[in-house]
């Protein structure tokens, strides 16, 4: 189980379709560069970027989640990038990036969804900072025991 803070949700079921970078719906502002080290918390703080709705493409699209930071909230730079995943591997519940939240970041952070090769025809994603790792795997409902 994870504990989430509403202010640390970068994306919630955010649709991503276009080739190139799509920034998360929300950007986290630590308030100052001195307060930006949320990775120094007492408990383990993690960044999770998870597929909410399976990604599809009419071509051979690829997808990668990237954490970026910025001093001014306008000019962002890559900090950590997840693996490049072929669209066929991006199913509901798949983690695109799941890491301990880094330290020594600048004041603003955001997540970028980097689509390559071809546009997506479907795909929604969640990105959030939490205490603990999200390990819940979404399963179909309506099962029965014989």
N, C-alpha and C. Protein backbone atom coordinates (compact mmCIF):
# COMPACT_ATOMS: atom_id res chain seq x y z
N UNK A 1 0.84 -1.17 0.00
CA UNK A 1 0.00 0.00 0.00
C UNK A 1 0.89 1.24 0.00
N UNK A 2 0.47 2.23 -0.71
CA UNK A 2 1.22 3.48 -0.73
C UNK A 2 0.39 4.59 -0.10
N UNK A 3 1.07 5.59 0.39
CA UNK A 3 0.40 6.78 0.90
C UNK A 3 0.72 7.90 -0.08
N UNK A 4 -0.34 8.52 -0.62
CA UNK A 4 -0.16 9.58 -1.62
C UNK A 4 -0.65 10.91 -1.09
N UNK A 5 0.01 11.96 -1.54
CA UNK A 5 -0.37 13.34 -1.23
C UNK A 5 -0.95 13.94 -2.50
N UNK A 6 -2.12 14.51 -2.43
CA UNK A 6 -2.78 15.10 -3.60
C UNK A 6 -1.89 16.09 -4.33
N UNK A 7 -1.05 16.81 -3.59
CA UNK A 7 -0.17 17.80 -4.20
C UNK A 7 1.02 17.18 -4.92
N UNK A 8 1.23 15.89 -4.76
CA UNK A 8 2.35 15.22 -5.40
C UNK A 8 1.90 14.26 -6.49
N UNK A 9 0.74 14.55 -7.09
CA UNK A 9 0.26 13.78 -8.24
C UNK A 9 0.56 14.60 -9.48
N UNK A 10 1.44 14.08 -10.32
CA UNK A 10 1.78 14.76 -11.56
C UNK A 10 0.71 14.53 -12.62
N UNK A 11 0.19 13.31 -12.70
CA UNK A 11 -0.82 12.95 -13.70
C UNK A 11 -1.78 11.95 -13.11
N UNK A 12 -3.05 12.07 -13.50
CA UNK A 12 -4.05 11.09 -13.11
C UNK A 12 -4.88 10.77 -14.35
N UNK A 13 -4.70 9.59 -14.89
CA UNK A 13 -5.37 9.15 -16.12
C UNK A 13 -5.17 10.17 -17.24
N UNK A 14 -3.94 10.64 -17.39
CA UNK A 14 -3.63 11.63 -18.42
C UNK A 14 -3.45 10.94 -19.76
N UNK A 15 -4.22 11.38 -20.76
CA UNK A 15 -4.11 10.83 -22.11
C UNK A 15 -2.83 11.36 -22.76
N UNK A 16 -2.10 10.47 -23.40
CA UNK A 16 -0.88 10.82 -24.12
C UNK A 16 -0.97 10.18 -25.50
N UNK A 17 -0.90 11.00 -26.56
CA UNK A 17 -1.06 10.46 -27.90
C UNK A 17 0.03 10.89 -28.89
N UNK A 18 0.48 12.12 -28.80
CA UNK A 18 1.35 12.70 -29.82
C UNK A 18 2.80 12.25 -29.71
N UNK A 19 3.47 12.18 -30.86
CA UNK A 19 4.89 11.89 -30.90
C UNK A 19 5.63 13.08 -30.29
N UNK A 20 6.67 12.80 -29.51
CA UNK A 20 7.44 13.85 -28.84
C UNK A 20 7.15 13.84 -27.35
N UNK A 21 7.42 14.96 -26.69
CA UNK A 21 7.24 15.06 -25.24
C UNK A 21 5.88 15.66 -24.89
N UNK A 22 5.19 15.00 -23.97
CA UNK A 22 3.96 15.53 -23.39
C UNK A 22 4.21 15.69 -21.90
N UNK A 23 4.18 16.92 -21.42
CA UNK A 23 4.43 17.19 -20.00
C UNK A 23 3.24 16.74 -19.16
N UNK A 24 3.51 16.35 -17.93
CA UNK A 24 2.46 15.95 -17.01
C UNK A 24 1.50 17.12 -16.77
N UNK A 25 0.27 16.78 -16.42
CA UNK A 25 -0.75 17.80 -16.18
C UNK A 25 -0.35 18.75 -15.06
N UNK A 26 0.40 18.25 -14.09
CA UNK A 26 0.82 19.06 -12.95
C UNK A 26 2.34 19.11 -12.84
N UNK A 27 2.81 20.22 -12.32
CA UNK A 27 4.23 20.44 -12.04
C UNK A 27 4.33 20.68 -10.53
N UNK A 28 5.32 20.07 -9.90
CA UNK A 28 5.49 20.28 -8.46
C UNK A 28 6.44 21.44 -8.21
N UNK A 29 5.99 22.40 -7.42
CA UNK A 29 6.81 23.55 -7.02
C UNK A 29 7.15 23.38 -5.55
N UNK A 30 8.42 23.15 -5.25
CA UNK A 30 8.86 22.94 -3.87
C UNK A 30 8.84 24.23 -3.06
N UNK A 31 8.66 25.37 -3.71
CA UNK A 31 8.60 26.65 -3.00
C UNK A 31 9.92 27.39 -3.02
N UNK A 32 11.01 26.64 -3.03
CA UNK A 32 12.35 27.22 -3.14
C UNK A 32 13.33 26.10 -3.44
N UNK A 33 14.48 26.45 -3.93
CA UNK A 33 15.50 25.44 -4.20
C UNK A 33 15.93 24.75 -2.92
N UNK A 34 15.88 25.46 -1.80
CA UNK A 34 16.29 24.89 -0.52
C UNK A 34 15.32 23.83 -0.01
N UNK A 35 14.05 23.91 -0.44
CA UNK A 35 13.03 22.97 0.02
C UNK A 35 12.78 21.84 -0.96
N UNK A 36 13.57 21.73 -2.01
CA UNK A 36 13.27 20.78 -3.08
C UNK A 36 13.71 19.35 -2.81
N UNK A 37 14.36 19.07 -1.72
CA UNK A 37 14.86 17.72 -1.45
C UNK A 37 13.83 16.85 -0.74
N UNK A 38 12.68 16.61 -1.40
CA UNK A 38 11.68 15.75 -0.77
C UNK A 38 12.16 14.31 -0.69
N UNK A 39 13.20 13.97 -1.45
CA UNK A 39 13.78 12.63 -1.38
C UNK A 39 14.51 12.36 -0.07
N UNK A 40 14.71 13.39 0.77
CA UNK A 40 15.38 13.23 2.06
C UNK A 40 14.39 12.96 3.19
N UNK A 41 13.22 12.48 2.87
CA UNK A 41 12.20 12.22 3.88
C UNK A 41 12.65 11.09 4.81
N UNK A 42 11.98 10.99 5.94
CA UNK A 42 12.28 9.94 6.91
C UNK A 42 11.96 8.57 6.30
N UNK A 43 10.79 8.46 5.65
CA UNK A 43 10.40 7.20 5.02
C UNK A 43 10.87 7.17 3.57
N UNK A 44 10.75 6.01 2.96
CA UNK A 44 11.13 5.86 1.57
C UNK A 44 10.12 6.57 0.68
N UNK A 45 10.59 7.52 -0.12
CA UNK A 45 9.74 8.28 -1.03
C UNK A 45 10.07 7.84 -2.45
N UNK A 46 9.02 7.47 -3.21
CA UNK A 46 9.20 6.95 -4.55
C UNK A 46 8.42 7.73 -5.58
N UNK A 47 8.96 7.77 -6.79
CA UNK A 47 8.24 8.28 -7.95
C UNK A 47 7.76 7.08 -8.74
N UNK A 48 6.47 7.05 -9.03
CA UNK A 48 5.90 5.97 -9.84
C UNK A 48 5.18 6.57 -11.03
N UNK A 49 5.46 6.04 -12.21
CA UNK A 49 4.75 6.38 -13.43
C UNK A 49 4.18 5.07 -13.95
N UNK A 50 2.84 4.97 -13.95
CA UNK A 50 2.17 3.71 -14.20
C UNK A 50 1.13 3.88 -15.31
N UNK A 51 1.01 2.87 -16.15
CA UNK A 51 -0.01 2.88 -17.20
C UNK A 51 -1.38 2.67 -16.57
N UNK A 52 -2.32 3.56 -16.85
CA UNK A 52 -3.68 3.50 -16.34
C UNK A 52 -4.60 2.82 -17.33
N UNK A 53 -4.43 3.11 -18.61
CA UNK A 53 -5.19 2.51 -19.70
C UNK A 53 -4.19 2.10 -20.77
N UNK A 54 -4.26 0.86 -21.23
CA UNK A 54 -3.27 0.32 -22.16
C UNK A 54 -3.01 1.23 -23.35
N UNK A 55 -1.75 1.30 -23.73
CA UNK A 55 -1.35 2.11 -24.88
C UNK A 55 -1.45 1.27 -26.15
N UNK A 56 -1.92 1.90 -27.22
CA UNK A 56 -1.98 1.26 -28.53
C UNK A 56 -1.48 2.25 -29.57
N UNK A 57 -1.10 1.71 -30.71
CA UNK A 57 -0.60 2.54 -31.80
C UNK A 57 -0.86 1.85 -33.12
N UNK A 58 -1.09 2.64 -34.16
CA UNK A 58 -1.24 2.05 -35.49
C UNK A 58 0.12 1.75 -36.10
N UNK A 59 1.18 2.25 -35.48
CA UNK A 59 2.54 2.00 -35.93
C UNK A 59 3.33 1.28 -34.85
N UNK A 60 4.63 1.42 -34.90
CA UNK A 60 5.49 0.77 -33.90
C UNK A 60 5.99 1.82 -32.91
N UNK A 61 5.08 2.40 -32.17
CA UNK A 61 5.42 3.46 -31.22
C UNK A 61 6.23 2.93 -30.05
N UNK A 62 6.98 3.84 -29.44
CA UNK A 62 7.70 3.55 -28.21
C UNK A 62 7.31 4.60 -27.18
N UNK A 63 7.49 4.27 -25.91
CA UNK A 63 7.12 5.19 -24.84
C UNK A 63 8.16 5.15 -23.75
N UNK A 64 8.45 6.31 -23.18
CA UNK A 64 9.42 6.42 -22.10
C UNK A 64 8.93 7.51 -21.14
N UNK A 65 9.06 7.27 -19.84
CA UNK A 65 8.74 8.28 -18.83
C UNK A 65 10.03 8.93 -18.36
N UNK A 66 10.00 10.26 -18.21
CA UNK A 66 11.19 11.02 -17.84
C UNK A 66 10.85 11.99 -16.72
N UNK A 67 11.68 12.02 -15.68
CA UNK A 67 11.55 13.04 -14.64
C UNK A 67 12.43 14.22 -15.03
N UNK A 68 11.86 15.42 -14.97
CA UNK A 68 12.61 16.62 -15.31
C UNK A 68 12.57 17.61 -14.15
N UNK A 69 13.59 18.49 -14.07
CA UNK A 69 13.57 19.56 -13.08
C UNK A 69 13.91 20.89 -13.74
N UNK A 70 13.63 21.97 -13.00
CA UNK A 70 13.83 23.32 -13.53
C UNK A 70 14.02 24.29 -12.38
N UNK A 71 14.80 25.32 -12.61
CA UNK A 71 14.97 26.37 -11.61
C UNK A 71 13.86 27.41 -11.71
N UNK A 72 13.32 27.60 -12.93
CA UNK A 72 12.35 28.68 -13.15
C UNK A 72 10.94 28.21 -13.52
N UNK A 73 10.71 26.92 -13.66
CA UNK A 73 9.39 26.41 -14.01
C UNK A 73 9.09 26.50 -15.50
N UNK A 74 10.07 26.93 -16.29
CA UNK A 74 9.88 27.08 -17.74
C UNK A 74 10.85 26.20 -18.51
N UNK A 75 12.11 26.27 -18.16
CA UNK A 75 13.16 25.53 -18.86
C UNK A 75 13.52 24.27 -18.08
N UNK A 76 12.98 23.14 -18.54
CA UNK A 76 13.17 21.87 -17.85
C UNK A 76 14.28 21.04 -18.50
N UNK A 77 14.96 20.25 -17.69
CA UNK A 77 16.01 19.34 -18.16
C UNK A 77 15.73 17.94 -17.63
N UNK A 78 16.11 16.93 -18.40
CA UNK A 78 15.95 15.55 -17.97
C UNK A 78 16.83 15.26 -16.77
N UNK A 79 16.27 14.54 -15.79
CA UNK A 79 17.03 14.10 -14.62
C UNK A 79 17.23 12.59 -14.69
N UNK A 80 16.13 11.87 -14.84
CA UNK A 80 16.17 10.41 -14.92
C UNK A 80 15.14 9.97 -15.96
N UNK A 81 15.54 9.04 -16.81
CA UNK A 81 14.63 8.50 -17.82
C UNK A 81 14.46 7.00 -17.62
N UNK A 82 13.23 6.55 -17.75
CA UNK A 82 12.96 5.12 -17.69
C UNK A 82 13.35 4.45 -19.00
N UNK A 83 13.17 3.15 -19.08
CA UNK A 83 13.51 2.44 -20.32
C UNK A 83 12.56 2.80 -21.45
N UNK A 84 13.03 2.67 -22.67
CA UNK A 84 12.18 2.85 -23.84
C UNK A 84 11.40 1.56 -24.03
N UNK A 85 10.07 1.65 -23.95
CA UNK A 85 9.23 0.47 -24.05
C UNK A 85 8.46 0.45 -25.36
N UNK A 86 8.43 -0.67 -26.06
CA UNK A 86 7.56 -0.77 -27.24
C UNK A 86 6.11 -0.75 -26.77
N UNK A 87 5.25 -0.16 -27.58
CA UNK A 87 3.85 0.03 -27.18
C UNK A 87 3.18 -1.30 -26.80
N UNK A 88 3.59 -2.39 -27.39
CA UNK A 88 3.00 -3.69 -27.09
C UNK A 88 3.21 -4.10 -25.63
N UNK A 89 4.22 -3.54 -24.96
CA UNK A 89 4.49 -3.87 -23.56
C UNK A 89 3.82 -2.93 -22.57
N UNK A 90 3.16 -1.89 -23.07
CA UNK A 90 2.58 -0.87 -22.18
C UNK A 90 1.11 -1.19 -21.93
N UNK A 91 0.88 -2.11 -20.99
CA UNK A 91 -0.46 -2.53 -20.61
C UNK A 91 -0.83 -1.89 -19.28
N UNK A 92 -2.10 -1.95 -18.95
CA UNK A 92 -2.57 -1.40 -17.69
C UNK A 92 -1.80 -2.01 -16.52
N UNK A 93 -1.33 -1.16 -15.62
CA UNK A 93 -0.60 -1.61 -14.45
C UNK A 93 0.91 -1.67 -14.63
N UNK A 94 1.40 -1.54 -15.86
CA UNK A 94 2.84 -1.60 -16.11
C UNK A 94 3.49 -0.29 -15.64
N UNK A 95 4.59 -0.42 -14.89
CA UNK A 95 5.33 0.76 -14.41
C UNK A 95 6.33 1.18 -15.49
N UNK A 96 6.18 2.41 -15.96
CA UNK A 96 7.12 2.96 -16.94
C UNK A 96 8.38 3.44 -16.24
N UNK A 97 8.22 3.89 -15.00
CA UNK A 97 9.35 4.36 -14.20
C UNK A 97 8.95 4.24 -12.74
N UNK A 98 9.78 3.61 -11.94
CA UNK A 98 9.51 3.47 -10.50
C UNK A 98 10.85 3.49 -9.78
N UNK A 99 11.13 4.63 -9.13
CA UNK A 99 12.45 4.85 -8.55
C UNK A 99 12.33 5.56 -7.21
N UNK A 100 13.33 5.40 -6.34
CA UNK A 100 13.39 6.27 -5.16
C UNK A 100 13.50 7.71 -5.66
N UNK A 101 12.75 8.62 -5.05
CA UNK A 101 12.75 10.00 -5.53
C UNK A 101 14.13 10.59 -5.32
N UNK A 102 14.73 11.12 -6.39
CA UNK A 102 16.10 11.64 -6.28
C UNK A 102 16.20 12.89 -5.42
N UNK A 103 17.39 13.15 -4.94
CA UNK A 103 17.67 14.36 -4.16
C UNK A 103 18.43 15.36 -5.04
N UNK A 104 18.64 16.53 -4.50
CA UNK A 104 19.38 17.60 -5.18
C UNK A 104 18.74 18.04 -6.48
N UNK A 105 17.41 18.06 -6.50
CA UNK A 105 16.70 18.56 -7.66
C UNK A 105 16.50 20.06 -7.53
N UNK A 106 16.22 20.69 -8.64
CA UNK A 106 15.92 22.12 -8.60
C UNK A 106 14.47 22.32 -8.16
N UNK A 107 14.03 23.55 -8.03
CA UNK A 107 12.75 23.90 -7.40
C UNK A 107 11.53 23.23 -8.03
N UNK A 108 11.44 23.15 -9.35
CA UNK A 108 10.27 22.61 -10.04
C UNK A 108 10.58 21.23 -10.63
N UNK A 109 9.60 20.33 -10.55
CA UNK A 109 9.74 19.02 -11.19
C UNK A 109 8.47 18.68 -11.95
N UNK A 110 8.63 17.91 -13.01
CA UNK A 110 7.50 17.41 -13.78
C UNK A 110 7.89 16.07 -14.39
N UNK A 111 6.89 15.34 -14.85
CA UNK A 111 7.12 14.10 -15.57
C UNK A 111 6.77 14.36 -17.03
N UNK A 112 7.58 13.81 -17.92
CA UNK A 112 7.33 13.92 -19.35
C UNK A 112 7.13 12.52 -19.91
N UNK A 113 6.11 12.40 -20.76
CA UNK A 113 5.87 11.15 -21.49
C UNK A 113 6.45 11.34 -22.88
N UNK A 114 7.46 10.55 -23.22
CA UNK A 114 8.18 10.71 -24.48
C UNK A 114 7.77 9.58 -25.44
N UNK A 115 6.98 9.94 -26.44
CA UNK A 115 6.50 8.99 -27.44
C UNK A 115 7.40 9.09 -28.66
N UNK A 116 7.85 7.94 -29.15
CA UNK A 116 8.73 7.93 -30.31
C UNK A 116 8.16 7.09 -31.45
N UNK A 117 8.63 7.34 -32.63
CA UNK A 117 8.37 6.58 -33.86
C UNK A 117 6.99 6.83 -34.46
N UNK A 118 5.92 6.64 -33.71
CA UNK A 118 4.56 6.80 -34.23
C UNK A 118 3.65 7.28 -33.09
N UNK A 119 2.57 7.99 -33.42
CA UNK A 119 1.65 8.44 -32.36
C UNK A 119 0.89 7.26 -31.75
N UNK A 120 0.42 7.47 -30.53
CA UNK A 120 -0.42 6.48 -29.87
C UNK A 120 -1.87 6.71 -30.29
N UNK A 121 -2.65 5.65 -30.34
CA UNK A 121 -4.08 5.78 -30.60
C UNK A 121 -4.87 5.70 -29.29
N UNK A 122 -4.23 5.25 -28.23
CA UNK A 122 -4.83 5.21 -26.89
C UNK A 122 -3.71 5.10 -25.87
N UNK A 123 -4.01 5.50 -24.66
CA UNK A 123 -3.06 5.38 -23.57
C UNK A 123 -3.26 6.48 -22.55
N UNK A 124 -3.43 6.09 -21.29
CA UNK A 124 -3.56 7.04 -20.18
C UNK A 124 -2.60 6.61 -19.08
N UNK A 125 -2.09 7.62 -18.35
CA UNK A 125 -1.02 7.33 -17.40
C UNK A 125 -1.19 8.09 -16.09
N UNK A 126 -0.70 7.49 -15.01
CA UNK A 126 -0.67 8.10 -13.69
C UNK A 126 0.79 8.30 -13.31
N UNK A 127 1.09 9.43 -12.69
CA UNK A 127 2.44 9.69 -12.18
C UNK A 127 2.30 10.37 -10.83
N UNK A 128 2.99 9.85 -9.82
CA UNK A 128 2.83 10.39 -8.47
C UNK A 128 4.04 10.07 -7.61
N UNK A 129 4.20 10.84 -6.56
CA UNK A 129 5.21 10.60 -5.54
C UNK A 129 4.46 10.02 -4.34
N UNK A 130 5.02 8.97 -3.76
CA UNK A 130 4.35 8.33 -2.63
C UNK A 130 5.36 7.81 -1.62
N UNK A 131 4.85 7.55 -0.43
CA UNK A 131 5.65 6.87 0.58
C UNK A 131 5.41 5.39 0.36
N UNK A 132 6.45 4.69 0.01
CA UNK A 132 6.32 3.28 -0.32
C UNK A 132 6.16 3.09 -1.81
N UNK A 133 6.41 1.88 -2.26
CA UNK A 133 6.34 1.54 -3.68
C UNK A 133 4.96 1.02 -4.01
N UNK A 134 4.41 1.50 -5.12
CA UNK A 134 3.13 0.99 -5.61
C UNK A 134 3.38 -0.36 -6.27
N UNK A 135 2.87 -1.42 -5.65
CA UNK A 135 3.06 -2.77 -6.21
C UNK A 135 1.74 -3.42 -6.58
N UNK A 136 0.66 -2.68 -6.46
CA UNK A 136 -0.64 -3.21 -6.79
C UNK A 136 -0.72 -3.46 -8.29
N UNK A 137 -1.13 -4.66 -8.68
CA UNK A 137 -1.31 -4.98 -10.09
C UNK A 137 -2.79 -5.07 -10.35
N UNK A 138 -3.28 -4.24 -11.27
CA UNK A 138 -4.70 -4.23 -11.59
C UNK A 138 -5.12 -5.57 -12.19
N UNK A 139 -6.20 -6.13 -11.69
CA UNK A 139 -6.72 -7.39 -12.18
C UNK A 139 -8.17 -7.19 -12.63
N UNK A 140 -8.62 -8.08 -13.51
CA UNK A 140 -10.01 -8.04 -13.95
C UNK A 140 -10.90 -8.35 -12.76
N UNK A 141 -12.06 -7.71 -12.69
CA UNK A 141 -13.02 -8.01 -11.64
C UNK A 141 -13.99 -9.07 -12.13
N UNK A 142 -14.78 -9.61 -11.24
CA UNK A 142 -15.81 -10.57 -11.61
C UNK A 142 -15.34 -12.01 -11.62
N UNK A 143 -14.28 -12.33 -10.89
CA UNK A 143 -13.83 -13.72 -10.84
C UNK A 143 -14.67 -14.50 -9.86
N UNK A 144 -14.63 -15.82 -9.94
CA UNK A 144 -15.33 -16.67 -8.99
C UNK A 144 -14.46 -17.87 -8.66
N UNK A 145 -14.74 -18.48 -7.53
CA UNK A 145 -14.00 -19.66 -7.08
C UNK A 145 -14.92 -20.85 -7.21
N UNK A 146 -14.45 -21.87 -7.93
CA UNK A 146 -15.29 -23.06 -8.16
C UNK A 146 -15.14 -24.05 -7.03
